[in-house]
Protein backbone atom coordinates (compact mmCIF):
# COMPACT_ATOMS: atom_id res chain seq x y z
CA MET A 1 119.83 292.25 54.28
CA GLU A 2 118.38 291.19 57.56
CA GLN A 3 115.08 293.10 58.78
CA LYS A 4 112.61 292.75 61.64
CA MET A 5 109.88 290.53 61.02
CA LYS A 6 107.39 293.12 61.93
CA ASP A 7 108.69 295.27 59.39
CA LEU A 8 108.53 292.95 56.61
CA LEU A 9 105.00 292.39 57.89
CA ALA A 10 104.07 295.86 57.81
CA GLY A 11 105.07 296.10 54.33
CA ALA A 12 102.94 293.02 53.47
CA TRP A 13 100.12 294.61 55.37
CA GLU A 14 100.33 297.92 53.60
CA GLY A 15 100.67 296.25 50.23
CA LYS A 16 98.13 293.47 50.80
CA TYR A 17 100.33 290.66 50.17
CA ALA A 18 101.86 287.95 52.37
CA VAL A 19 105.59 286.80 52.96
CA PRO A 20 106.06 283.00 52.87
CA ALA A 21 107.62 281.72 56.10
CA ILE A 22 109.54 278.74 55.26
CA CYS A 23 110.63 276.11 57.84
CA VAL A 24 114.38 275.12 57.60
CA SER A 25 116.90 272.85 59.67
CA ASN A 26 119.97 272.50 57.48
CA MET A 27 122.31 274.24 55.09
CA GLU A 28 120.34 273.14 51.85
CA SER A 29 116.93 274.51 52.94
CA VAL A 30 118.25 277.68 54.07
CA LEU A 31 120.19 278.22 50.80
CA ALA A 32 117.11 277.29 48.92
CA CYS A 33 115.37 280.18 50.58
CA PHE A 34 117.68 282.66 49.45
CA GLN A 35 117.95 281.34 46.01
CA ALA A 36 114.15 281.45 45.77
CA ALA A 37 114.01 284.98 46.93
CA ARG A 38 116.73 286.33 44.89
CA ALA A 39 114.95 284.74 41.92
CA ALA A 40 111.40 286.15 42.87
CA ARG A 41 112.78 289.46 44.13
CA SER A 42 110.92 288.64 47.28
CA PRO A 43 111.38 289.07 51.05
CA VAL A 44 111.39 285.81 53.10
CA ILE A 45 111.06 284.65 56.48
CA ILE A 46 113.34 281.92 57.48
CA GLN A 47 112.06 279.97 60.30
CA SER A 48 112.52 276.81 62.40
CA ALA A 49 111.06 275.05 65.48
CA TRP A 50 113.15 273.40 68.08
CA SER A 51 111.57 269.98 67.33
CA GLU A 52 112.93 270.52 63.70
CA MET A 53 116.45 271.38 64.60
CA GLU A 54 117.15 269.14 67.75
CA PRO A 55 117.20 265.85 65.83
CA GLN A 56 119.98 267.13 63.74
CA MET A 57 122.06 268.41 66.63
CA ILE A 58 121.56 272.01 65.44
CA THR A 59 121.55 275.02 68.32
CA TYR A 60 119.58 278.21 67.84
CA ALA A 61 122.95 279.89 67.48
CA ASP A 62 124.01 277.43 64.88
CA LEU A 63 121.06 278.10 62.72
CA ALA A 64 121.06 281.98 63.23
CA GLY A 65 124.78 282.02 62.23
CA LEU A 66 124.25 279.95 58.97
CA ILE A 67 121.33 282.06 57.99
CA ARG A 68 123.16 285.28 58.41
CA CYS A 69 126.23 283.78 56.43
CA PHE A 70 123.97 283.14 53.54
CA GLY A 71 122.47 286.42 53.96
CA ALA A 72 125.84 288.29 53.42
CA ARG A 73 126.30 286.44 50.16
CA PHE A 74 122.64 287.22 49.19
CA ALA A 75 122.65 290.79 50.45
CA GLU A 76 119.79 292.18 48.28
CA VAL A 77 117.34 289.59 49.89
CA PRO A 78 115.30 290.94 52.58
CA PHE A 79 115.15 288.20 55.37
CA ALA A 80 114.08 287.78 58.92
CA ILE A 81 114.95 284.83 61.19
CA HIS A 82 111.91 283.57 63.21
CA LEU A 83 111.38 280.70 65.97
CA ASP A 84 108.26 278.73 64.67
CA HIS A 85 106.05 277.26 67.46
CA GLY A 86 108.07 277.93 70.38
CA MET A 87 106.13 275.44 72.77
CA SER A 88 107.24 277.00 76.04
CA GLU A 89 108.70 280.08 77.66
CA GLU A 90 112.03 278.46 77.70
CA GLU A 91 112.37 277.51 74.05
CA CYS A 92 111.58 281.01 73.06
CA MET A 93 114.10 282.66 75.55
CA GLY A 94 116.44 280.25 74.07
CA ALA A 95 115.96 281.54 70.61
CA LEU A 96 116.25 284.94 71.72
CA ALA A 97 119.58 284.13 73.35
CA GLY A 98 120.73 282.40 70.38
CA GLY A 99 120.21 285.26 68.04
CA PHE A 100 116.66 284.86 66.67
CA SER A 101 115.11 288.35 66.15
CA SER A 102 111.63 287.00 66.13
CA ILE A 103 109.97 284.29 68.00
CA MET A 104 106.44 282.56 68.11
CA TYR A 105 105.06 281.43 71.44
CA ASP A 106 102.32 278.81 71.00
CA GLY A 107 100.56 278.75 74.12
CA SER A 108 97.41 277.35 72.45
CA ALA A 109 97.47 273.83 74.09
CA GLY A 110 96.98 275.49 77.61
CA SER A 111 94.60 277.83 79.14
CA TYR A 112 93.76 281.18 77.69
CA GLU A 113 94.97 282.94 80.90
CA ASP A 114 98.48 281.23 80.75
CA ASN A 115 98.81 282.02 77.15
CA VAL A 116 98.19 285.81 77.94
CA THR A 117 100.69 285.79 80.96
CA VAL A 118 103.43 283.94 78.95
CA THR A 119 102.94 285.98 75.82
CA ARG A 120 102.99 289.30 77.71
CA ARG A 121 106.09 288.40 79.61
CA LEU A 122 107.90 287.07 76.13
CA ARG A 123 106.84 290.63 74.41
CA ARG A 124 108.80 292.32 76.96
CA ALA A 125 111.73 290.01 76.70
CA ALA A 126 111.66 290.33 72.74
CA GLY A 127 112.09 294.24 73.41
CA ALA A 128 111.71 296.91 70.80
CA GLY A 129 113.83 295.25 68.19
CA GLY A 130 112.11 291.86 68.38
CA THR A 131 108.78 290.48 67.12
CA LEU A 132 106.49 288.31 68.89
CA GLU A 133 103.79 286.17 67.02
CA ALA A 134 101.30 284.40 69.34
CA GLU A 135 98.18 282.03 68.65
CA VAL A 136 94.62 282.78 69.64
CA GLY A 137 92.51 279.45 69.06
CA ARG A 138 94.28 276.37 68.20
CA VAL A 139 95.28 275.24 64.76
CA GLY A 140 94.59 271.64 64.49
CA GLY A 141 97.22 268.81 63.41
CA ALA A 142 100.48 267.92 65.06
CA GLU A 143 103.15 270.73 65.61
CA GLY A 144 106.06 271.20 67.50
CA GLY A 145 106.49 267.69 68.62
CA GLY A 146 103.22 267.78 70.32
CA GLY A 147 100.05 265.52 69.88
CA ASP A 148 97.32 265.78 67.09
CA PHE A 149 95.17 268.77 68.37
CA GLU A 150 91.73 269.26 67.34
CA ILE A 151 90.87 272.69 65.73
CA VAL A 152 89.51 275.41 68.03
CA LYS A 153 88.58 278.58 65.84
CA SER A 154 89.79 281.88 66.91
CA ASP A 155 87.30 283.95 68.49
CA PRO A 156 87.16 287.52 67.70
CA GLU A 157 86.23 289.02 71.06
CA GLN A 158 88.88 286.94 72.49
CA LEU A 159 91.46 288.15 70.07
CA ARG A 160 90.57 291.77 70.93
CA ASP A 161 91.19 291.01 74.42
CA PHE A 162 94.32 289.14 73.95
CA LEU A 163 95.88 292.02 72.03
CA GLU A 164 94.93 294.69 74.62
CA LYS A 165 96.58 292.51 77.32
CA THR A 166 99.62 291.35 75.43
CA GLY A 167 100.80 293.70 72.79
CA ALA A 168 101.61 290.75 70.58
CA ASP A 169 102.88 291.95 66.93
CA ALA A 170 101.27 289.21 64.93
CA ILE A 171 98.55 286.74 65.58
CA ALA A 172 98.17 283.21 64.07
CA VAL A 173 94.51 282.48 63.58
CA SER A 174 92.52 279.28 63.56
CA ILE A 175 90.12 279.33 60.79
CA GLY A 176 89.86 275.84 59.53
CA ASN A 177 93.64 275.31 58.91
CA PHE A 178 95.71 272.52 60.19
CA HIS A 179 99.08 271.33 60.32
CA GLY A 180 100.69 268.29 58.37
CA SER A 181 97.72 268.03 56.03
CA HIS A 182 99.25 265.47 54.14
CA GLY A 183 99.81 263.05 57.20
CA VAL A 184 97.39 264.05 59.78
CA HIS A 185 94.20 264.55 57.91
CA LYS A 186 92.36 263.66 54.69
CA GLY A 187 91.19 266.21 52.38
CA ALA A 188 92.10 269.94 51.95
CA PRO A 189 91.35 272.26 54.80
CA LYS A 190 88.42 274.40 54.42
CA LEU A 191 88.99 277.98 55.44
CA ASP A 192 86.02 280.07 57.26
CA PHE A 193 86.53 283.27 55.31
CA GLU A 194 83.38 284.92 57.17
CA LEU A 195 85.40 284.26 60.48
CA LEU A 196 88.63 285.48 58.91
CA ALA A 197 86.80 288.77 57.99
CA ARG A 198 85.60 289.32 61.47
CA LEU A 199 88.98 288.68 62.86
CA HIS A 200 90.55 291.11 60.47
CA ASP A 201 88.01 293.67 61.47
CA VAL A 202 89.10 293.64 65.37
CA CYS A 203 92.61 293.00 64.57
CA GLY A 204 95.16 295.78 63.98
CA VAL A 205 98.13 293.62 63.54
CA PRO A 206 99.28 291.23 60.87
CA LEU A 207 97.57 287.93 60.60
CA VAL A 208 99.23 284.51 60.23
CA LEU A 209 98.10 281.31 58.35
CA HIS A 210 99.50 278.28 59.79
CA GLY A 211 99.49 274.70 57.81
CA ALA A 212 99.31 276.26 54.41
CA SER A 213 100.33 272.79 52.82
CA GLY A 214 97.36 271.42 51.11
CA ILE A 215 95.24 274.55 51.09
CA PRO A 216 94.12 275.46 47.56
CA GLU A 217 95.84 278.10 45.78
CA ALA A 218 92.69 280.18 45.41
CA ASP A 219 91.99 279.75 48.90
CA VAL A 220 95.37 281.22 49.95
CA ARG A 221 95.34 284.06 47.50
CA ARG A 222 91.82 285.12 48.92
CA ALA A 223 93.32 284.96 52.59
CA VAL A 224 96.11 287.22 51.66
CA THR A 225 93.47 289.88 50.50
CA MET A 226 91.84 289.57 53.99
CA GLY A 227 94.76 290.34 56.20
CA ILE A 228 96.90 287.42 55.99
CA CYS A 229 100.46 288.67 55.93
CA LYS A 230 102.63 285.56 56.69
CA VAL A 231 101.99 282.14 55.57
CA ASN A 232 103.75 279.13 56.87
CA TYR A 233 104.97 276.24 54.86
CA TYR A 234 106.52 272.90 55.86
CA THR A 235 104.86 269.71 54.70
CA GLN A 236 104.46 270.59 51.27
CA LEU A 237 108.13 271.71 50.91
CA TYR A 238 109.51 268.59 52.81
CA ASN A 239 107.50 266.26 50.44
CA VAL A 240 108.87 267.89 47.37
CA TYR A 241 112.55 267.75 48.90
CA MET A 242 112.40 264.25 49.78
CA ASP A 243 110.86 262.93 46.79
CA CYS A 244 113.91 264.56 44.85
CA VAL A 245 116.24 262.89 47.32
CA ARG A 246 114.71 259.59 47.01
CA ASP A 247 114.69 259.93 43.20
CA ASN A 248 118.56 260.84 43.39
CA CYS A 249 119.77 258.66 46.05
CA GLY A 250 121.79 256.52 43.68
CA GLU A 251 123.92 259.77 42.81
CA THR A 252 126.81 261.04 44.73
CA MET A 253 125.84 262.80 48.06
CA GLU A 254 126.69 266.20 46.43
CA GLU A 255 124.66 265.65 43.24
CA CYS A 256 121.75 264.43 45.15
CA MET A 257 121.69 267.01 47.66
CA GLY A 258 122.37 269.73 44.91
CA ARG A 259 119.48 268.49 42.98
CA ALA A 260 117.05 268.45 45.97
CA THR A 261 118.11 272.18 46.83
CA ARG A 262 117.43 273.36 43.34
CA VAL A 263 114.06 271.74 43.16
CA LEU A 264 113.17 273.21 46.80
CA ALA A 265 114.12 276.65 45.62
CA GLY A 266 111.57 276.29 42.63
CA GLU A 267 108.95 275.19 44.80
CA ILE A 268 109.55 278.13 47.25
CA GLU A 269 109.56 280.58 44.28
CA LYS A 270 105.99 279.32 43.11
CA LEU A 271 104.86 279.92 47.00
CA MET A 272 106.32 283.58 46.63
CA ASP A 273 104.15 284.22 43.54
CA MET A 274 101.15 282.78 45.15
CA CYS A 275 101.57 284.86 48.32
CA GLY A 276 102.05 288.02 46.15
CA SER A 277 105.40 288.71 47.56
CA ALA A 278 107.45 288.31 44.15
CA GLY A 279 108.75 291.74 43.10
CA LYS A 280 108.32 293.19 46.48
CA ALA A 281 111.78 293.11 47.38
């Protein structure tokens, strides 16, 4: 059953767990999300960025329709449809027009003032039925088709000001995490838990951990106890999926993609257990 992302996150905030947010861009990855969620009895956030959809010639409306089609088949699974890393106001408005009920505006590469201004406008555009995620500070690595950004850690006082001015529903924090950890940087990210505690103290909304691939399991579990309610995954799942495709490329297309879908679902199910969302549906 489709739900507002902010309702899924409110349940996670209250229950002290996180909902995995899985990046998808085709039928197999969407199906794997629902298979994993049903097996784990977990809610799931199914998300994609324009930079992931555009190379496959998929529109916002195409993907939203596909997700809702599988949602009818897996009616017991609580899910939300989310735009990950809308890099411009236009991308975010396009996702809303295409049927996404939740959007993330990533204004972290621009000025703080512009981030506030655009986030505030998009919060109004999303309306009472929508959810708006924003970013304070800047998560490192490469994301959304952009360059390789250096980490700018989130500032608690700036976060307080940002929330007062924008009314954002969820905040992606920068605490040492970075995107694309298996290709952009060497070594596992080192999370600043002292900073996370301070951010949680000033923030009355759910916090989001981007770039979770490569973060040690114990650190993810600890972060979830400290206000992280949504954990984003792409690189780790992409690697598992593509490894299976390469191992089975001598089979028929149907057999190869079927195996990759099952492997991907199994990996997502592990993440649901790690985030504490298993059994919460």
